[in-house]
PDB file of N, CA and C in Angstrom:
ATOM      1  N   MET A   1      93.095 104.138-167.674  1.00  0.00           N
ATOM      2  CA  MET A   1      93.448 105.470-167.200  1.00  0.00           C
ATOM      3  C   MET A   1      93.068 105.562-165.727  1.00  0.00           C
ATOM      4  N   PRO A   2      94.015 105.994-164.885  1.00  0.00           N
ATOM      5  CA  PRO A   2      93.718 106.079-163.451  1.00  0.00           C
ATOM      6  C   PRO A   2      92.826 107.270-163.129  1.00  0.00           C
ATOM      7  N   SER A   3      92.098 107.139-162.047  1.00  0.00           N
ATOM      8  CA  SER A   3      91.333 108.286-161.550  1.00  0.00           C
ATOM      9  C   SER A   3      92.163 108.966-160.464  1.00  0.00           C
ATOM     10  N   PHE A   4      91.730 110.145-160.045  1.00  0.00           N
ATOM     11  CA  PHE A   4      92.483 110.896-159.054  1.00  0.00           C
ATOM     12  C   PHE A   4      91.589 111.229-157.876  1.00  0.00           C
ATOM     13  N   ASN A   5      92.170 111.190-156.666  1.00  0.00           N
ATOM     14  CA  ASN A   5      91.393 111.553-155.491  1.00  0.00           C
ATOM     15  C   ASN A   5      91.522 113.041-155.200  1.00  0.00           C
ATOM     16  N   LEU A   6      91.003 113.465-154.068  1.00  0.00           N
ATOM     17  CA  LEU A   6      90.989 114.873-153.682  1.00  0.00           C
ATOM     18  C   LEU A   6      92.391 115.472-153.593  1.00  0.00           C
ATOM     19  N   PHE A   7      93.392 114.637-153.326  1.00  0.00           N
ATOM     20  CA  PHE A   7      94.761 115.118-153.147  1.00  0.00           C
ATOM     21  C   PHE A   7      95.602 114.924-154.403  1.00  0.00           C
ATOM     22  N   SER A   8      94.972 114.749-155.547  1.00  0.00           N
ATOM     23  CA  SER A   8      95.636 114.559-156.838  1.00  0.00           C
ATOM     24  C   SER A   8      96.530 113.323-156.868  1.00  0.00           C
ATOM     25  N   GLN A   9      96.186 112.323-156.068  1.00  0.00           N
ATOM     26  CA  GLN A   9      96.918 111.068-156.092  1.00  0.00           C
ATOM     27  C   GLN A   9      96.235 110.139-157.081  1.00  0.00           C
ATOM     28  N   ALA A  10      97.027 109.516-157.930  1.00  0.00           N
ATOM     29  CA  ALA A  10      96.467 108.596-158.918  1.00  0.00           C
ATOM     30  C   ALA A  10      95.981 107.328-158.232  1.00  0.00           C
ATOM     31  N   ILE A  11      94.810 106.887-158.592  1.00  0.00           N
ATOM     32  CA  ILE A  11      94.240 105.657-158.057  1.00  0.00           C
ATOM     33  C   ILE A  11      94.128 104.671-159.208  1.00  0.00           C
ATOM     34  N   THR A  12      94.809 103.564-159.077  1.00  0.00           N
ATOM     35  CA  THR A  12      94.753 102.538-160.114  1.00  0.00           C
ATOM     36  C   THR A  12      93.983 101.338-159.580  1.00  0.00           C
ATOM     37  N   SER A  13      93.532 100.507-160.462  1.00  0.00           N
ATOM     38  CA  SER A  13      92.757  99.343-160.045  1.00  0.00           C
ATOM     39  C   SER A  13      93.635  98.130-159.789  1.00  0.00           C
ATOM     40  N   THR A  14      94.929  98.225-160.062  1.00  0.00           N
ATOM     41  CA  THR A  14      95.814  97.088-159.826  1.00  0.00           C
ATOM     42  C   THR A  14      96.485  97.235-158.474  1.00  0.00           C
ATOM     43  N   LEU A  15      96.568  96.152-157.779  1.00  0.00           N
ATOM     44  CA  LEU A  15      97.229  96.150-156.476  1.00  0.00           C
ATOM     45  C   LEU A  15      98.619  95.550-156.633  1.00  0.00           C
ATOM     46  N   GLU A  16      99.593  96.226-156.090  1.00  0.00           N
ATOM     47  CA  GLU A  16     100.946  95.701-156.140  1.00  0.00           C
ATOM     48  C   GLU A  16     101.108  94.693-155.011  1.00  0.00           C
ATOM     49  N   PRO A  17     101.790  93.585-155.258  1.00  0.00           N
ATOM     50  CA  PRO A  17     101.967  92.596-154.188  1.00  0.00           C
ATOM     51  C   PRO A  17     102.817  93.168-153.066  1.00  0.00           C
ATOM     52  N   ARG A  18     102.445  92.803-151.846  1.00  0.00           N
ATOM     53  CA  ARG A  18     103.202  93.262-150.691  1.00  0.00           C
ATOM     54  C   ARG A  18     104.455  92.417-150.545  1.00  0.00           C
ATOM     55  N   VAL A  19     105.489  93.029-150.086  1.00  0.00           N
ATOM     56  CA  VAL A  19     106.737  92.312-149.862  1.00  0.00           C
ATOM     57  C   VAL A  19     106.593  91.529-148.551  1.00  0.00           C
ATOM     58  N   GLU A  20     106.857  90.238-148.630  1.00  0.00           N
ATOM     59  CA  GLU A  20     106.789  89.414-147.437  1.00  0.00           C
ATOM     60  C   GLU A  20     108.131  89.453-146.720  1.00  0.00           C
ATOM     61  N   ILE A  21     108.103  89.795-145.445  1.00  0.00           N
ATOM     62  CA  ILE A  21     109.319  89.846-144.639  1.00  0.00           C
ATOM     63  C   ILE A  21     109.176  88.833-143.522  1.00  0.00           C
ATOM     64  N   ASN A  22     110.159  87.978-143.393  1.00  0.00           N
ATOM     65  CA  ASN A  22     110.140  87.009-142.309  1.00  0.00           C
ATOM     66  C   ASN A  22     110.743  87.676-141.081  1.00  0.00           C
ATOM     67  N   ILE A  23     109.889  88.079-140.152  1.00  0.00           N
ATOM     68  CA  ILE A  23     110.317  88.810-138.959  1.00  0.00           C
ATOM     69  C   ILE A  23     111.261  87.966-138.114  1.00  0.00           C
ATOM     70  N   VAL A  24     110.970  86.675-137.980  1.00  0.00           N
ATOM     71  CA  VAL A  24     111.809  85.813-137.151  1.00  0.00           C
ATOM     72  C   VAL A  24     113.247  85.817-137.671  1.00  0.00           C
ATOM     73  N   ASP A  25     113.412  85.700-138.976  1.00  0.00           N
ATOM     74  CA  ASP A  25     114.757  85.740-139.543  1.00  0.00           C
ATOM     75  C   ASP A  25     115.379  87.118-139.396  1.00  0.00           C
ATOM     76  N   SER A  26     114.574  88.152-139.460  1.00  0.00           N
ATOM     77  CA  SER A  26     115.068  89.510-139.422  1.00  0.00           C
ATOM     78  C   SER A  26     115.584  89.907-138.038  1.00  0.00           C
ATOM     79  N   ILE A  27     114.821  89.597-136.979  1.00  0.00           N
ATOM     80  CA  ILE A  27     115.222  90.029-135.636  1.00  0.00           C
ATOM     81  C   ILE A  27     115.716  88.893-134.749  1.00  0.00           C
ATOM     82  N   GLY A  28     115.521  87.652-135.164  1.00  0.00           N
ATOM     83  CA  GLY A  28     116.086  86.536-134.415  1.00  0.00           C
ATOM     84  C   GLY A  28     115.137  85.826-133.478  1.00  0.00           C
ATOM     85  N   TYR A  29     113.923  86.323-133.301  1.00  0.00           N
ATOM     86  CA  TYR A  29     112.954  85.621-132.461  1.00  0.00           C
ATOM     87  C   TYR A  29     111.547  85.971-132.891  1.00  0.00           C
ATOM     88  N   ASP A  30     110.597  85.155-132.462  1.00  0.00           N
ATOM     89  CA  ASP A  30     109.199  85.310-132.843  1.00  0.00           C
ATOM     90  C   ASP A  30     108.503  86.244-131.850  1.00  0.00           C
ATOM     91  N   LEU A  31     108.073  87.411-132.313  1.00  0.00           N
ATOM     92  CA  LEU A  31     107.432  88.386-131.426  1.00  0.00           C
ATOM     93  C   LEU A  31     106.129  87.858-130.838  1.00  0.00           C
ATOM     94  N   ASN A  32     105.351  87.118-131.624  1.00  0.00           N
ATOM     95  CA  ASN A  32     104.096  86.578-131.098  1.00  0.00           C
ATOM     96  C   ASN A  32     104.350  85.588-129.971  1.00  0.00           C
ATOM     97  N   LYS A  33     105.335  84.722-130.154  1.00  0.00           N
ATOM     98  CA  LYS A  33     105.664  83.743-129.114  1.00  0.00           C
ATOM     99  C   LYS A  33     106.159  84.459-127.860  1.00  0.00           C
ATOM    100  N   PHE A  34     107.033  85.454-128.051  1.00  0.00           N
ATOM    101  CA  PHE A  34     107.535  86.224-126.912  1.00  0.00           C
ATOM    102  C   PHE A  34     106.388  86.899-126.171  1.00  0.00           C
ATOM    103  N   GLY A  35     105.469  87.520-126.914  1.00  0.00           N
ATOM    104  CA  GLY A  35     104.332  88.206-126.299  1.00  0.00           C
ATOM    105  C   GLY A  35     103.440  87.260-125.518  1.00  0.00           C
ATOM    106  N   GLU A  36     103.183  86.088-126.070  1.00  0.00           N
ATOM    107  CA  GLU A  36     102.358  85.101-125.369  1.00  0.00           C
ATOM    108  C   GLU A  36     103.032  84.631-124.092  1.00  0.00           C
ATOM    109  N   GLU A  37     104.326  84.352-124.162  1.00  0.00           N
ATOM    110  CA  GLU A  37     105.052  83.903-122.972  1.00  0.00           C
ATOM    111  C   GLU A  37     105.113  84.993-121.910  1.00  0.00           C
ATOM    112  N   TYR A  38     105.323  86.239-122.331  1.00  0.00           N
ATOM    113  CA  TYR A  38     105.401  87.345-121.372  1.00  0.00           C
ATOM    114  C   TYR A  38     104.034  87.620-120.743  1.00  0.00           C
ATOM    115  N   ALA A  39     102.969  87.480-121.535  1.00  0.00           N
ATOM    116  CA  ALA A  39     101.624  87.674-120.998  1.00  0.00           C
ATOM    117  C   ALA A  39     101.329  86.630-119.924  1.00  0.00           C
ATOM    118  N   LEU A  40     101.767  85.385-120.145  1.00  0.00           N
ATOM    119  CA  LEU A  40     101.580  84.348-119.121  1.00  0.00           C
ATOM    120  C   LEU A  40     102.345  84.702-117.854  1.00  0.00           C
ATOM    121  N   GLU A  41     103.579  85.180-118.014  1.00  0.00           N
ATOM    122  CA  GLU A  41     104.367  85.576-116.845  1.00  0.00           C
ATOM    123  C   GLU A  41     103.698  86.733-116.108  1.00  0.00           C
ATOM    124  N   MET A  42     103.233  87.737-116.873  1.00  0.00           N
ATOM    125  CA  MET A  42     102.614  88.904-116.246  1.00  0.00           C
ATOM    126  C   MET A  42     101.328  88.548-115.509  1.00  0.00           C
ATOM    127  N   SER A  43     100.639  87.511-115.944  1.00  0.00           N
ATOM    128  CA  SER A  43      99.391  87.120-115.281  1.00  0.00           C
ATOM    129  C   SER A  43      99.632  86.586-113.877  1.00  0.00           C
ATOM    130  N   THR A  44     100.879  86.249-113.548  1.00  0.00           N
ATOM    131  CA  THR A  44     101.197  85.735-112.213  1.00  0.00           C
ATOM    132  C   THR A  44     101.734  86.820-111.282  1.00  0.00           C
ATOM    133  N   TRP A  45     101.889  88.048-111.785  1.00  0.00           N
ATOM    134  CA  TRP A  45     102.464  89.117-110.981  1.00  0.00           C
ATOM    135  C   TRP A  45     101.535  89.539-109.848  1.00  0.00           C
ATOM    136  N   SER A  46     102.143  89.954-108.758  1.00  0.00           N
ATOM    137  CA  SER A  46     101.384  90.511-107.633  1.00  0.00           C
ATOM    138  C   SER A  46     100.934  91.930-107.981  1.00  0.00           C
ATOM    139  N   ASN A  47      99.978  92.436-107.223  1.00  0.00           N
ATOM    140  CA  ASN A  47      99.508  93.809-107.445  1.00  0.00           C
ATOM    141  C   ASN A  47     100.631  94.823-107.249  1.00  0.00           C
ATOM    142  N   GLU A  48     101.536  94.538-106.300  1.00  0.00           N
ATOM    143  CA  GLU A  48     102.649  95.443-106.054  1.00  0.00           C
ATOM    144  C   GLU A  48     103.585  95.500-107.260  1.00  0.00           C
ATOM    145  N   LYS A  49     103.838  94.348-107.886  1.00  0.00           N
ATOM    146  CA  LYS A  49     104.712  94.333-109.061  1.00  0.00           C
ATOM    147  C   LYS A  49     104.041  95.015-110.247  1.00  0.00           C
ATOM    148  N   ILE A  50     102.735  94.856-110.389  1.00  0.00           N
ATOM    149  CA  ILE A  50     102.002  95.542-111.455  1.00  0.00           C
ATOM    150  C   ILE A  50     102.097  97.051-111.259  1.00  0.00           C
ATOM    151  N   ASP A  51     101.922  97.510-110.027  1.00  0.00           N
ATOM    152  CA  ASP A  51     102.044  98.942-109.735  1.00  0.00           C
ATOM    153  C   ASP A  51     103.456  99.449-110.038  1.00  0.00           C
ATOM    154  N   TRP A  52     104.491  98.667-109.647  1.00  0.00           N
ATOM    155  CA  TRP A  52     105.872  99.040-109.933  1.00  0.00           C
ATOM    156  C   TRP A  52     106.087  99.157-111.443  1.00  0.00           C
ATOM    157  N   PHE A  53     105.598  98.180-112.212  1.00  0.00           N
ATOM    158  CA  PHE A  53     105.757  98.191-113.666  1.00  0.00           C
ATOM    159  C   PHE A  53     105.090  99.420-114.268  1.00  0.00           C
ATOM    160  N   ASN A  54     103.852  99.685-113.849  1.00  0.00           N
ATOM    161  CA  ASN A  54     103.111 100.819-114.409  1.00  0.00           C
ATOM    162  C   ASN A  54     103.770 102.151-114.083  1.00  0.00           C
ATOM    163  N   THR A  55     104.266 102.321-112.875  1.00  0.00           N
ATOM    164  CA  THR A  55     104.897 103.596-112.519  1.00  0.00           C
ATOM    165  C   THR A  55     106.288 103.724-113.129  1.00  0.00           C
ATOM    166  N   THR A  56     106.944 102.605-113.432  1.00  0.00           N
ATOM    167  CA  THR A  56     108.288 102.640-113.993  1.00  0.00           C
ATOM    168  C   THR A  56     108.288 102.812-115.503  1.00  0.00           C
ATOM    169  N   PHE A  57     107.365 102.124-116.205  1.00  0.00           N
ATOM    170  CA  PHE A  57     107.444 102.068-117.661  1.00  0.00           C
ATOM    171  C   PHE A  57     106.267 102.689-118.407  1.00  0.00           C
ATOM    172  N   CYS A  58     105.168 102.983-117.749  1.00  0.00           N
ATOM    173  CA  CYS A  58     103.983 103.491-118.451  1.00  0.00           C
ATOM    174  C   CYS A  58     103.817 104.977-118.164  1.00  0.00           C
ATOM    175  N   TYR A  59     103.637 105.751-119.222  1.00  0.00           N
ATOM    176  CA  TYR A  59     103.495 107.197-119.106  1.00  0.00           C
ATOM    177  C   TYR A  59     102.223 107.642-119.807  1.00  0.00           C
ATOM    178  N   GLN A  60     101.706 108.774-119.378  1.00  0.00           N
ATOM    179  CA  GLN A  60     100.567 109.361-120.056  1.00  0.00           C
ATOM    180  C   GLN A  60     101.042 110.019-121.340  1.00  0.00           C
ATOM    181  N   ARG A  61     100.157 110.035-122.307  1.00  0.00           N
ATOM    182  CA  ARG A  61     100.497 110.674-123.578  1.00  0.00           C
ATOM    183  C   ARG A  61     100.829 112.145-123.336  1.00  0.00           C
ATOM    184  N   GLY A  62     101.909 112.584-123.937  1.00  0.00           N
ATOM    185  CA  GLY A  62     102.314 113.976-123.802  1.00  0.00           C
ATOM    186  C   GLY A  62     103.220 114.243-122.619  1.00  0.00           C
ATOM    187  N   HIS A  63     103.456 113.242-121.773  1.00  0.00           N
ATOM    188  CA  HIS A  63     104.326 113.414-120.613  1.00  0.00           C
ATOM    189  C   HIS A  63     105.615 112.634-120.839  1.00  0.00           C
ATOM    190  N   PHE A  64     106.713 113.216-120.451  1.00  0.00           N
ATOM    191  CA  PHE A  64     107.997 112.559-120.598  1.00  0.00           C
ATOM    192  C   PHE A  64     108.780 112.776-119.318  1.00  0.00           C
ATOM    193  N   THR A  65     109.255 111.691-118.728  1.00  0.00           N
ATOM    194  CA  THR A  65     109.990 111.790-117.476  1.00  0.00           C
ATOM    195  C   THR A  65     111.372 111.183-117.655  1.00  0.00           C
ATOM    196  N   ILE A  66     112.381 111.905-117.250  1.00  0.00           N
ATOM    197  CA  ILE A  66     113.745 111.377-117.275  1.00  0.00           C
ATOM    198  C   ILE A  66     114.083 110.951-115.848  1.00  0.00           C
ATOM    199  N   PRO A  67     114.350 109.658-115.648  1.00  0.00           N
ATOM    200  CA  PRO A  67     114.660 109.194-114.285  1.00  0.00           C
ATOM    201  C   PRO A  67     115.927 109.854-113.749  1.00  0.00           C
ATOM    202  N   GLU A  68     115.936 110.156-112.469  1.00  0.00           N
ATOM    203  CA  GLU A  68     117.113 110.758-111.846  1.00  0.00           C
ATOM    204  C   GLU A  68     118.169 109.710-111.542  1.00  0.00           C
ATOM    205  N   LYS A  69     117.756 108.445-111.397  1.00  0.00           N
ATOM    206  CA  LYS A  69     118.694 107.355-111.134  1.00  0.00           C
ATOM    207  C   LYS A  69     118.296 106.165-112.004  1.00  0.00           C
ATOM    208  N   PRO A  70     119.191 105.212-112.212  1.00  0.00           N
ATOM    209  CA  PRO A  70     118.865 104.058-113.054  1.00  0.00           C
ATOM    210  C   PRO A  70     117.653 103.292-112.520  1.00  0.00           C
ATOM    211  N   ILE A  71     116.918 102.664-113.430  1.00  0.00           N
ATOM    212  CA  ILE A  71     115.747 101.869-113.041  1.00  0.00           C
ATOM    213  C   ILE A  71     116.213 100.678-112.217  1.00  0.00           C
ATOM    214  N   GLN A  72     115.611 100.510-111.062  1.00  0.00           N
ATOM    215  CA  GLN A  72     115.943  99.402-110.187  1.00  0.00           C
ATOM    216  C   GLN A  72     115.058  98.209-110.482  1.00  0.00           C
ATOM    217  N   ASP A  73     115.606  97.004-110.377  1.00  0.00           N
ATOM    218  CA  ASP A  73     114.809  95.798-110.529  1.00  0.00           C
ATOM    219  C   ASP A  73     113.752  95.730-109.436  1.00  0.00           C
ATOM    220  N   TYR A  74     112.641  95.074-109.767  1.00  0.00           N
ATOM    221  CA  TYR A  74     111.591  94.878-108.778  1.00  0.00           C
ATOM    222  C   TYR A  74     112.060  93.810-107.793  1.00  0.00           C
ATOM    223  N   VAL A  75     111.966  94.105-106.512  1.00  0.00           N
ATOM    224  CA  VAL A  75     112.341  93.148-105.467  1.00  0.00           C
ATOM    225  C   VAL A  75     111.118  92.948-104.585  1.00  0.00           C
ATOM    226  N   GLU A  76     110.668  91.702-104.507  1.00  0.00           N
ATOM    227  CA  GLU A  76     109.520  91.408-103.652  1.00  0.00           C
ATOM    228  C   GLU A  76     109.945  91.443-102.202  1.00  0.00           C
ATOM    229  N   GLU A  77     109.110  92.072-101.383  1.00  0.00           N
ATOM    230  CA  GLU A  77     109.368  92.116 -99.947  1.00  0.00           C
ATOM    231  C   GLU A  77     108.593  90.993 -99.294  1.00  0.00           C
ATOM    232  N   HIS A  78     109.304  90.190 -98.496  1.00  0.00           N
ATOM    233  CA  HIS A  78     108.634  89.075 -97.806  1.00  0.00           C
ATOM    234  C   HIS A  78     108.574  89.329 -96.342  1.00  0.00           C
TER     235      HIS A  78
END
């Protein structure tokens, strides 16, 4: 007989097996490999490119900005 928690949800002692999903087959590439490769690339960025990335793609929680023009690629000035 199951017990019940504070929210009247039945708690049983048996665990149902989790469904295994092969992410690589599902989306076509390995997210961990992509993340590792991108992290290596990002480690070589200049401070100016890091600032561009942060101002272009990173927002504070609760803030939403709609760009007035399309996002421009980062171009290094030499």
